[in-house]
Amino acid sequence: MTLITRKDQLKYLNVQRDNHISVYIYDPPVASNYVVISGTATCNDQDIWDEARRIIERYRAPDEVDDYVARWKTEPRVLITVTPEHIATRAPR
């Protein structure tokens, strides 16, 4: 799993201090349907823009991607890659 964030965000600062991480993903509005991924994180701030573009393309309309990439390139961005050690889930029955 790969995330992108700014270097001035607590998420990044916490991973720099301790590389153990848990990511909780839920399906609103019912937070009882979820996945929790726990593991270790590594940070990379070099040559991140191809991967950043792939992430942006998953969540933004095609005509918005170039503007997002251009804006993000002006910010101190970093990729955080999570190596899963444990995955827990609860899905609807």
Protein backbone atom coordinates (compact mmCIF):
# COMPACT_ATOMS: atom_id res chain seq x y z
CA MET A 1 0.00 0.00 0.00
CA THR A 2 1.36 3.43 -0.92
CA LEU A 3 0.21 6.79 0.43
CA ILE A 4 1.30 10.28 -0.49
CA THR A 5 1.46 13.08 2.03
CA ARG A 6 3.25 16.31 2.83
CA LYS A 7 6.44 16.33 4.87
CA ASP A 8 4.91 18.83 7.31
CA GLN A 9 2.01 16.51 8.24
CA LEU A 10 1.93 14.49 11.47
CA LYS A 11 1.52 11.28 9.46
CA TYR A 12 4.99 11.75 7.96
CA LEU A 13 6.57 13.06 11.17
CA ASN A 14 5.24 10.09 13.16
CA VAL A 15 6.57 7.59 10.60
CA GLN A 16 9.97 9.28 10.78
CA ARG A 17 9.96 8.82 14.56
CA ASP A 18 8.62 5.23 14.52
CA ASN A 19 8.13 3.31 11.29
CA HIS A 20 5.37 1.08 12.68
CA ILE A 21 2.04 2.08 11.15
CA SER A 22 -1.62 1.09 11.07
CA VAL A 23 -3.99 2.24 8.36
CA TYR A 24 -7.74 2.02 8.97
CA ILE A 25 -10.03 2.07 5.94
CA TYR A 26 -13.76 2.02 6.42
CA ASP A 27 -16.90 2.24 4.32
CA PRO A 28 -18.96 5.27 5.41
CA PRO A 29 -21.42 5.75 6.90
CA VAL A 30 -21.03 2.44 8.76
CA ALA A 31 -17.56 2.29 10.30
CA SER A 32 -18.11 -1.34 11.29
CA ASN A 33 -17.19 -2.40 7.72
CA TYR A 34 -13.43 -1.97 7.67
CA VAL A 35 -9.92 -3.13 6.88
CA VAL A 36 -6.94 -2.44 9.15
CA ILE A 37 -3.46 -2.86 7.71
CA SER A 38 -0.59 -2.87 10.21
CA GLY A 39 3.07 -3.05 9.34
CA THR A 40 6.16 -0.99 8.72
CA ALA A 41 6.50 2.13 6.63
CA THR A 42 9.27 3.46 4.42
CA CYS A 43 9.41 6.99 3.08
CA ASN A 44 10.66 8.16 -0.29
CA ASP A 45 10.89 11.72 -1.58
CA GLN A 46 12.95 10.98 -4.71
CA ASP A 47 11.40 10.37 -8.16
CA ILE A 48 7.88 10.10 -6.73
CA TRP A 49 5.82 11.71 -9.47
CA ASP A 50 4.99 8.66 -11.63
CA GLU A 51 3.59 6.86 -8.60
CA ALA A 52 1.91 10.04 -7.33
CA ARG A 53 0.20 10.43 -10.71
CA ARG A 54 -1.10 6.83 -10.53
CA ILE A 55 -2.55 7.53 -7.07
CA ILE A 56 -4.16 10.79 -8.19
CA GLU A 57 -5.66 9.09 -11.26
CA ARG A 58 -7.56 6.67 -9.00
CA TYR A 59 -9.40 9.47 -7.19
CA ARG A 60 -9.69 12.44 -9.55
CA ALA A 61 -11.38 13.01 -12.89
CA PRO A 62 -8.99 12.69 -15.86
CA ASP A 63 -9.14 16.42 -16.61
CA GLU A 64 -8.02 17.23 -13.04
CA VAL A 65 -4.91 15.02 -12.85
CA ASP A 66 -2.38 17.36 -14.49
CA ASP A 67 -3.42 20.28 -12.28
CA TYR A 68 -3.09 18.14 -9.14
CA VAL A 69 0.36 16.90 -10.13
CA ALA A 70 1.52 20.44 -10.95
CA ARG A 71 0.24 21.78 -7.61
CA TRP A 72 1.66 18.89 -5.61
CA LYS A 73 5.09 19.41 -7.22
CA THR A 74 5.21 22.80 -5.48
CA GLU A 75 4.73 21.13 -2.09
CA PRO A 76 7.11 19.01 0.04
CA ARG A 77 5.56 15.63 -0.84
CA VAL A 78 6.67 12.14 0.14
CA LEU A 79 5.51 8.62 -0.66
CA ILE A 80 4.91 6.31 2.30
CA THR A 81 4.93 2.61 1.43
CA VAL A 82 3.40 0.24 3.97
CA THR A 83 4.69 -3.32 4.13
CA PRO A 84 1.80 -5.26 5.68
CA GLU A 85 2.50 -7.54 8.62
CA HIS A 86 -1.12 -8.00 9.71
CA ILE A 87 -4.47 -7.39 7.98
CA ALA A 88 -7.79 -7.46 9.83
CA THR A 89 -11.19 -6.99 8.23
CA ARG A 90 -14.84 -6.93 9.05
CA ALA A 91 -17.24 -6.96 6.15
CA PRO A 92 -21.03 -7.00 6.12
CA ARG A 93 -22.67 -10.39 6.51
